[in-house]
Amino acid sequence: MSTSTQTPGRPRAFDEETVLDRATEVFWLYGYEGASLSALTGAMGINRPSLYSTFGSKEELFKRAFARYHEKRVAQARAALDQPTAYASIEAFLRSSADGLTDGDHPAGCLSIQGGLACSPENARISAALATGRAATEAAIAERLTRAAAENDLPSGVDPHAMARFVMALSEGHAVHAAAGATRDDLQASVDMALRAVAPHP
């Protein structure tokens, strides 16, 4: 637990992880530029002086929130990819992703897409940070598929990196569709179609 100060002489304790999770929801819903300070502080249950004294700025708050979100998502992706075959790994990743995008416990879609896919030039660092996060997930998939290729678990001639890009493009596209109202069944049906192309069935 961390403590901060609302105003001089008026200390108020709050749990930083809790307020980061609340900030994440706001950024997830409205994107970085669309998330107003009023919406953020209202959701977080703190005032602006506390936000600035604890996190420094809106940009730093976003980076902290995204880092926490991304850490969880990468752990989930790596767990999904820890399967004995390329097919099982990709299926687990795509199905887990589709479930997460539509779980109902959070805004539909994905923070790494909705947070700042398009930002004004002065906020280009936000888009770059999100792109770096997505690239890390793609790299994890490529690493798994490279191992599969070395184990002759991919068809001859299949480029593990190109396949990883395909899998990520599908997952990212699902995020856009989920945010627009696609259901879990919709996304899972798309996974069914994609699995015929992304890896050989065992």
C-alpha atoms as a PDB file:
ATOM      1  CA  MET A   1       0.000   0.000   0.000  1.00  0.00           C
ATOM      2  CA  SER A   2       1.198   3.480  -0.849  1.00  0.00           C
ATOM      3  CA  THR A   3       0.224   6.775   0.658  1.00  0.00           C
ATOM      4  CA  SER A   4      -0.098  10.175  -0.898  1.00  0.00           C
ATOM      5  CA  THR A   5      -1.239  13.606   0.173  1.00  0.00           C
ATOM      6  CA  GLN A   6      -4.378  15.271  -1.112  1.00  0.00           C
ATOM      7  CA  THR A   7      -3.389  18.746   0.031  1.00  0.00           C
ATOM      8  CA  PRO A   8      -0.688  19.956   2.435  1.00  0.00           C
ATOM      9  CA  GLY A   9      -1.654  18.990   5.945  1.00  0.00           C
ATOM     10  CA  ARG A  10      -4.416  16.630   4.798  1.00  0.00           C
ATOM     11  CA  PRO A  11      -2.887  13.186   4.250  1.00  0.00           C
ATOM     12  CA  ARG A  12      -4.982  10.551   2.578  1.00  0.00           C
ATOM     13  CA  ALA A  13      -3.960   6.952   2.129  1.00  0.00           C
ATOM     14  CA  PHE A  14      -4.873   5.017  -0.985  1.00  0.00           C
ATOM     15  CA  ASP A  15      -3.725   1.867  -2.666  1.00  0.00           C
ATOM     16  CA  GLU A  16      -1.796   2.753  -5.817  1.00  0.00           C
ATOM     17  CA  GLU A  17      -2.600  -0.540  -7.528  1.00  0.00           C
ATOM     18  CA  THR A  18      -6.313   0.028  -6.979  1.00  0.00           C
ATOM     19  CA  VAL A  19      -6.290   3.553  -8.381  1.00  0.00           C
ATOM     20  CA  LEU A  20      -4.125   2.410 -11.312  1.00  0.00           C
ATOM     21  CA  ASP A  21      -6.703  -0.243 -12.139  1.00  0.00           C
ATOM     22  CA  ARG A  22      -9.433   2.398 -12.048  1.00  0.00           C
ATOM     23  CA  ALA A  23      -7.396   4.701 -14.274  1.00  0.00           C
ATOM     24  CA  THR A  24      -6.836   1.816 -16.667  1.00  0.00           C
ATOM     25  CA  GLU A  25     -10.589   1.406 -17.101  1.00  0.00           C
ATOM     26  CA  VAL A  26     -10.949   5.093 -18.014  1.00  0.00           C
ATOM     27  CA  PHE A  27      -8.087   5.005 -20.517  1.00  0.00           C
ATOM     28  CA  TRP A  28      -9.508   1.765 -21.906  1.00  0.00           C
ATOM     29  CA  LEU A  29     -12.910   3.339 -22.464  1.00  0.00           C
ATOM     30  CA  TYR A  30     -11.870   6.726 -23.816  1.00  0.00           C
ATOM     31  CA  GLY A  31      -8.280   6.379 -25.002  1.00  0.00           C
ATOM     32  CA  TYR A  32      -5.418   8.520 -23.755  1.00  0.00           C
ATOM     33  CA  GLU A  33      -6.559  11.761 -25.336  1.00  0.00           C
ATOM     34  CA  GLY A  34     -10.234  11.180 -24.589  1.00  0.00           C
ATOM     35  CA  ALA A  35      -9.669  10.483 -20.894  1.00  0.00           C
ATOM     36  CA  SER A  36     -10.133  13.808 -19.110  1.00  0.00           C
ATOM     37  CA  LEU A  37      -8.467  14.561 -15.808  1.00  0.00           C
ATOM     38  CA  SER A  38     -11.924  14.927 -14.268  1.00  0.00           C
ATOM     39  CA  ALA A  39     -12.917  11.451 -15.443  1.00  0.00           C
ATOM     40  CA  LEU A  40      -9.637  10.002 -14.196  1.00  0.00           C
ATOM     41  CA  THR A  41      -9.682  11.586 -10.760  1.00  0.00           C
ATOM     42  CA  GLY A  42     -13.374  10.781 -10.361  1.00  0.00           C
ATOM     43  CA  ALA A  43     -12.814   7.118 -11.119  1.00  0.00           C
ATOM     44  CA  MET A  44      -9.644   6.944  -9.052  1.00  0.00           C
ATOM     45  CA  GLY A  45     -11.240   8.666  -6.054  1.00  0.00           C
ATOM     46  CA  ILE A  46      -8.426  11.182  -5.697  1.00  0.00           C
ATOM     47  CA  ASN A  47      -8.020  14.853  -6.538  1.00  0.00           C
ATOM     48  CA  ARG A  48      -5.671  16.429  -9.065  1.00  0.00           C
ATOM     49  CA  PRO A  49      -2.960  17.376  -6.572  1.00  0.00           C
ATOM     50  CA  SER A  50      -2.838  13.746  -5.423  1.00  0.00           C
ATOM     51  CA  LEU A  51      -2.667  12.521  -9.009  1.00  0.00           C
ATOM     52  CA  TYR A  52       0.210  14.840  -9.835  1.00  0.00           C
ATOM     53  CA  SER A  53       2.100  14.249  -6.602  1.00  0.00           C
ATOM     54  CA  THR A  54       1.844  10.470  -6.954  1.00  0.00           C
ATOM     55  CA  PHE A  55       2.143   9.949 -10.706  1.00  0.00           C
ATOM     56  CA  GLY A  56       3.712  13.166 -11.954  1.00  0.00           C
ATOM     57  CA  SER A  57       1.513  13.724 -14.988  1.00  0.00           C
ATOM     58  CA  LYS A  58      -1.316  12.243 -17.020  1.00  0.00           C
ATOM     59  CA  GLU A  59       1.251  10.708 -19.372  1.00  0.00           C
ATOM     60  CA  GLU A  60       3.141   9.025 -16.539  1.00  0.00           C
ATOM     61  CA  LEU A  61      -0.142   7.792 -15.073  1.00  0.00           C
ATOM     62  CA  PHE A  62      -1.007   6.241 -18.423  1.00  0.00           C
ATOM     63  CA  LYS A  63       2.408   4.602 -18.737  1.00  0.00           C
ATOM     64  CA  ARG A  64       2.109   3.151 -15.231  1.00  0.00           C
ATOM     65  CA  ALA A  65      -1.410   1.897 -15.929  1.00  0.00           C
ATOM     66  CA  PHE A  66      -0.425   0.400 -19.266  1.00  0.00           C
ATOM     67  CA  ALA A  67       2.678  -1.264 -17.820  1.00  0.00           C
ATOM     68  CA  ARG A  68       0.510  -2.962 -15.195  1.00  0.00           C
ATOM     69  CA  TYR A  69      -2.049  -4.000 -17.806  1.00  0.00           C
ATOM     70  CA  HIS A  70       0.608  -5.195 -20.247  1.00  0.00           C
ATOM     71  CA  GLU A  71       2.431  -7.246 -17.629  1.00  0.00           C
ATOM     72  CA  LYS A  72      -0.755  -9.206 -16.984  1.00  0.00           C
ATOM     73  CA  ARG A  73      -1.500  -9.663 -20.688  1.00  0.00           C
ATOM     74  CA  VAL A  74       2.017 -10.841 -21.525  1.00  0.00           C
ATOM     75  CA  ALA A  75       1.850 -13.355 -18.665  1.00  0.00           C
ATOM     76  CA  GLN A  76      -1.468 -14.632 -20.040  1.00  0.00           C
ATOM     77  CA  ALA A  77      -0.034 -14.848 -23.555  1.00  0.00           C
ATOM     78  CA  ARG A  78       3.032 -16.753 -22.429  1.00  0.00           C
ATOM     79  CA  ALA A  79       0.870 -19.164 -20.456  1.00  0.00           C
ATOM     80  CA  ALA A  80      -1.280 -19.754 -23.536  1.00  0.00           C
ATOM     81  CA  LEU A  81       1.805 -20.341 -25.677  1.00  0.00           C
ATOM     82  CA  ASP A  82       3.179 -22.911 -23.251  1.00  0.00           C
ATOM     83  CA  GLN A  83       1.546 -25.787 -25.127  1.00  0.00           C
ATOM     84  CA  PRO A  84       3.232 -28.877 -26.613  1.00  0.00           C
ATOM     85  CA  THR A  85       2.531 -27.992 -30.262  1.00  0.00           C
ATOM     86  CA  ALA A  86       2.377 -24.901 -32.451  1.00  0.00           C
ATOM     87  CA  TYR A  87      -1.277 -25.561 -33.245  1.00  0.00           C
ATOM     88  CA  ALA A  88      -2.232 -25.902 -29.573  1.00  0.00           C
ATOM     89  CA  SER A  89      -0.221 -22.803 -28.647  1.00  0.00           C
ATOM     90  CA  ILE A  90      -1.814 -20.622 -31.301  1.00  0.00           C
ATOM     91  CA  GLU A  91      -5.286 -21.930 -30.540  1.00  0.00           C
ATOM     92  CA  ALA A  92      -4.820 -21.276 -26.817  1.00  0.00           C
ATOM     93  CA  PHE A  93      -3.532 -17.763 -27.504  1.00  0.00           C
ATOM     94  CA  LEU A  94      -6.340 -16.804 -29.875  1.00  0.00           C
ATOM     95  CA  ARG A  95      -9.127 -18.314 -27.785  1.00  0.00           C
ATOM     96  CA  SER A  96      -7.796 -16.779 -24.582  1.00  0.00           C
ATOM     97  CA  SER A  97      -7.501 -13.439 -26.332  1.00  0.00           C
ATOM     98  CA  ALA A  98     -11.055 -13.646 -27.684  1.00  0.00           C
ATOM     99  CA  ASP A  99     -12.363 -14.488 -24.229  1.00  0.00           C
ATOM    100  CA  GLY A 100     -10.449 -11.621 -22.638  1.00  0.00           C
ATOM    101  CA  LEU A 101     -11.688  -9.102 -25.192  1.00  0.00           C
ATOM    102  CA  THR A 102     -15.305  -9.947 -24.339  1.00  0.00           C
ATOM    103  CA  ASP A 103     -15.158 -11.046 -20.701  1.00  0.00           C
ATOM    104  CA  GLY A 104     -17.644  -8.441 -19.475  1.00  0.00           C
ATOM    105  CA  ASP A 105     -15.469  -7.593 -16.474  1.00  0.00           C
ATOM    106  CA  HIS A 106     -13.677  -4.810 -18.366  1.00  0.00           C
ATOM    107  CA  PRO A 107     -14.435  -2.564 -21.318  1.00  0.00           C
ATOM    108  CA  ALA A 108     -14.713  -4.582 -24.524  1.00  0.00           C
ATOM    109  CA  GLY A 109     -11.632  -4.634 -26.694  1.00  0.00           C
ATOM    110  CA  CYS A 110      -8.024  -4.011 -25.724  1.00  0.00           C
ATOM    111  CA  LEU A 111      -6.302  -1.102 -23.996  1.00  0.00           C
ATOM    112  CA  SER A 112      -3.265  -1.412 -26.257  1.00  0.00           C
ATOM    113  CA  ILE A 113      -5.493  -0.718 -29.269  1.00  0.00           C
ATOM    114  CA  GLN A 114      -8.030   1.719 -27.835  1.00  0.00           C
ATOM    115  CA  GLY A 115      -5.571   3.574 -25.638  1.00  0.00           C
ATOM    116  CA  GLY A 116      -3.923   5.500 -28.417  1.00  0.00           C
ATOM    117  CA  LEU A 117      -3.959   3.931 -31.852  1.00  0.00           C
ATOM    118  CA  ALA A 118      -4.274   7.461 -33.213  1.00  0.00           C
ATOM    119  CA  CYS A 119      -2.792  10.326 -31.226  1.00  0.00           C
ATOM    120  CA  SER A 120      -1.934  13.913 -32.018  1.00  0.00           C
ATOM    121  CA  PRO A 121       1.773  14.580 -32.715  1.00  0.00           C
ATOM    122  CA  GLU A 122       2.395  15.875 -29.201  1.00  0.00           C
ATOM    123  CA  ASN A 123       1.222  12.533 -27.806  1.00  0.00           C
ATOM    124  CA  ALA A 124       3.131  10.329 -30.253  1.00  0.00           C
ATOM    125  CA  ARG A 125       4.997   8.811 -27.293  1.00  0.00           C
ATOM    126  CA  ILE A 126       1.759   7.184 -26.174  1.00  0.00           C
ATOM    127  CA  SER A 127       1.178   5.491 -29.522  1.00  0.00           C
ATOM    128  CA  ALA A 128       4.825   4.402 -29.556  1.00  0.00           C
ATOM    129  CA  ALA A 129       4.581   2.875 -26.083  1.00  0.00           C
ATOM    130  CA  LEU A 130       1.477   0.916 -27.056  1.00  0.00           C
ATOM    131  CA  ALA A 131       3.112  -0.281 -30.280  1.00  0.00           C
ATOM    132  CA  THR A 132       6.119  -1.445 -28.275  1.00  0.00           C
ATOM    133  CA  GLY A 133       3.814  -3.441 -26.012  1.00  0.00           C
ATOM    134  CA  ARG A 134       2.103  -5.130 -28.949  1.00  0.00           C
ATOM    135  CA  ALA A 135       5.489  -5.879 -30.496  1.00  0.00           C
ATOM    136  CA  ALA A 136       6.557  -7.636 -27.295  1.00  0.00           C
ATOM    137  CA  THR A 137       3.560  -9.949 -27.511  1.00  0.00           C
ATOM    138  CA  GLU A 138       4.264 -10.634 -31.171  1.00  0.00           C
ATOM    139  CA  ALA A 139       7.873 -11.413 -30.307  1.00  0.00           C
ATOM    140  CA  ALA A 140       6.706 -13.980 -27.743  1.00  0.00           C
ATOM    141  CA  ILE A 141       4.596 -15.681 -30.411  1.00  0.00           C
ATOM    142  CA  ALA A 142       7.464 -15.595 -32.906  1.00  0.00           C
ATOM    143  CA  GLU A 143       9.790 -17.112 -30.315  1.00  0.00           C
ATOM    144  CA  ARG A 144       7.365 -19.985 -29.741  1.00  0.00           C
ATOM    145  CA  LEU A 145       6.888 -20.589 -33.466  1.00  0.00           C
ATOM    146  CA  THR A 146      10.617 -20.436 -34.123  1.00  0.00           C
ATOM    147  CA  ARG A 147      11.029 -23.234 -31.618  1.00  0.00           C
ATOM    148  CA  ALA A 148       8.225 -25.118 -33.343  1.00  0.00           C
ATOM    149  CA  ALA A 149      10.005 -24.764 -36.681  1.00  0.00           C
ATOM    150  CA  ALA A 150      13.210 -26.141 -35.181  1.00  0.00           C
ATOM    151  CA  GLU A 151      11.197 -29.103 -33.910  1.00  0.00           C
ATOM    152  CA  ASN A 152       9.644 -29.673 -37.372  1.00  0.00           C
ATOM    153  CA  ASP A 153       6.291 -28.716 -35.904  1.00  0.00           C
ATOM    154  CA  LEU A 154       5.535 -26.198 -38.677  1.00  0.00           C
ATOM    155  CA  PRO A 155       5.036 -26.924 -42.374  1.00  0.00           C
ATOM    156  CA  SER A 156       8.192 -26.584 -44.422  1.00  0.00           C
ATOM    157  CA  GLY A 157       8.709 -23.051 -45.679  1.00  0.00           C
ATOM    158  CA  VAL A 158       6.464 -21.343 -43.129  1.00  0.00           C
ATOM    159  CA  ASP A 159       8.100 -18.195 -41.751  1.00  0.00           C
ATOM    160  CA  PRO A 160       7.565 -18.130 -37.948  1.00  0.00           C
ATOM    161  CA  HIS A 161       7.754 -14.333 -37.867  1.00  0.00           C
ATOM    162  CA  ALA A 162       5.224 -13.909 -40.670  1.00  0.00           C
ATOM    163  CA  MET A 163       2.897 -16.343 -38.937  1.00  0.00           C
ATOM    164  CA  ALA A 164       3.326 -14.475 -35.644  1.00  0.00           C
ATOM    165  CA  ARG A 165       2.394 -11.238 -37.415  1.00  0.00           C
ATOM    166  CA  PHE A 166      -0.704 -12.943 -38.857  1.00  0.00           C
ATOM    167  CA  VAL A 167      -1.772 -14.186 -35.422  1.00  0.00           C
ATOM    168  CA  MET A 168      -1.275 -10.749 -33.891  1.00  0.00           C
ATOM    169  CA  ALA A 169      -3.121  -9.039 -36.735  1.00  0.00           C
ATOM    170  CA  LEU A 170      -6.075 -11.342 -36.122  1.00  0.00           C
ATOM    171  CA  SER A 171      -6.009 -10.711 -32.374  1.00  0.00           C
ATOM    172  CA  GLU A 172      -5.757  -6.950 -32.875  1.00  0.00           C
ATOM    173  CA  GLY A 173      -8.586  -7.040 -35.401  1.00  0.00           C
ATOM    174  CA  HIS A 174     -10.670  -8.926 -32.875  1.00  0.00           C
ATOM    175  CA  ALA A 175     -10.020  -6.117 -30.391  1.00  0.00           C
ATOM    176  CA  VAL A 176     -11.464  -3.576 -32.812  1.00  0.00           C
ATOM    177  CA  HIS A 177     -14.515  -5.734 -33.510  1.00  0.00           C
ATOM    178  CA  ALA A 178     -15.074  -6.463 -29.822  1.00  0.00           C
ATOM    179  CA  ALA A 179     -15.049  -2.753 -29.038  1.00  0.00           C
ATOM    180  CA  ALA A 180     -17.655  -2.308 -31.791  1.00  0.00           C
ATOM    181  CA  GLY A 181     -19.923  -4.932 -30.246  1.00  0.00           C
ATOM    182  CA  ALA A 182     -18.799  -8.310 -31.583  1.00  0.00           C
ATOM    183  CA  THR A 183     -19.656 -11.117 -29.170  1.00  0.00           C
ATOM    184  CA  ARG A 184     -17.443 -13.858 -27.815  1.00  0.00           C
ATOM    185  CA  ASP A 185     -19.143 -16.334 -30.140  1.00  0.00           C
ATOM    186  CA  ASP A 186     -18.412 -14.041 -33.093  1.00  0.00           C
ATOM    187  CA  LEU A 187     -14.719 -13.936 -32.251  1.00  0.00           C
ATOM    188  CA  GLN A 188     -14.464 -17.644 -31.524  1.00  0.00           C
ATOM    189  CA  ALA A 189     -16.040 -18.408 -34.909  1.00  0.00           C
ATOM    190  CA  SER A 190     -13.336 -16.267 -36.493  1.00  0.00           C
ATOM    191  CA  VAL A 191     -10.712 -18.240 -34.558  1.00  0.00           C
ATOM    192  CA  ASP A 192     -12.194 -21.460 -35.946  1.00  0.00           C
ATOM    193  CA  MET A 193     -11.656 -20.150 -39.472  1.00  0.00           C
ATOM    194  CA  ALA A 194      -8.154 -18.831 -38.791  1.00  0.00           C
ATOM    195  CA  LEU A 195      -6.897 -22.053 -37.243  1.00  0.00           C
ATOM    196  CA  ARG A 196      -7.247 -23.759 -40.602  1.00  0.00           C
ATOM    197  CA  ALA A 197      -4.501 -21.484 -41.905  1.00  0.00           C
ATOM    198  CA  VAL A 198      -2.186 -20.543 -39.058  1.00  0.00           C
ATOM    199  CA  ALA A 199      -0.927 -24.000 -38.058  1.00  0.00           C
ATOM    200  CA  PRO A 200      -1.287 -27.638 -38.992  1.00  0.00           C
ATOM    201  CA  HIS A 201      -3.841 -29.572 -36.989  1.00  0.00           C
ATOM    202  CA  PRO A 202      -2.288 -32.299 -34.867  1.00  0.00           C
END
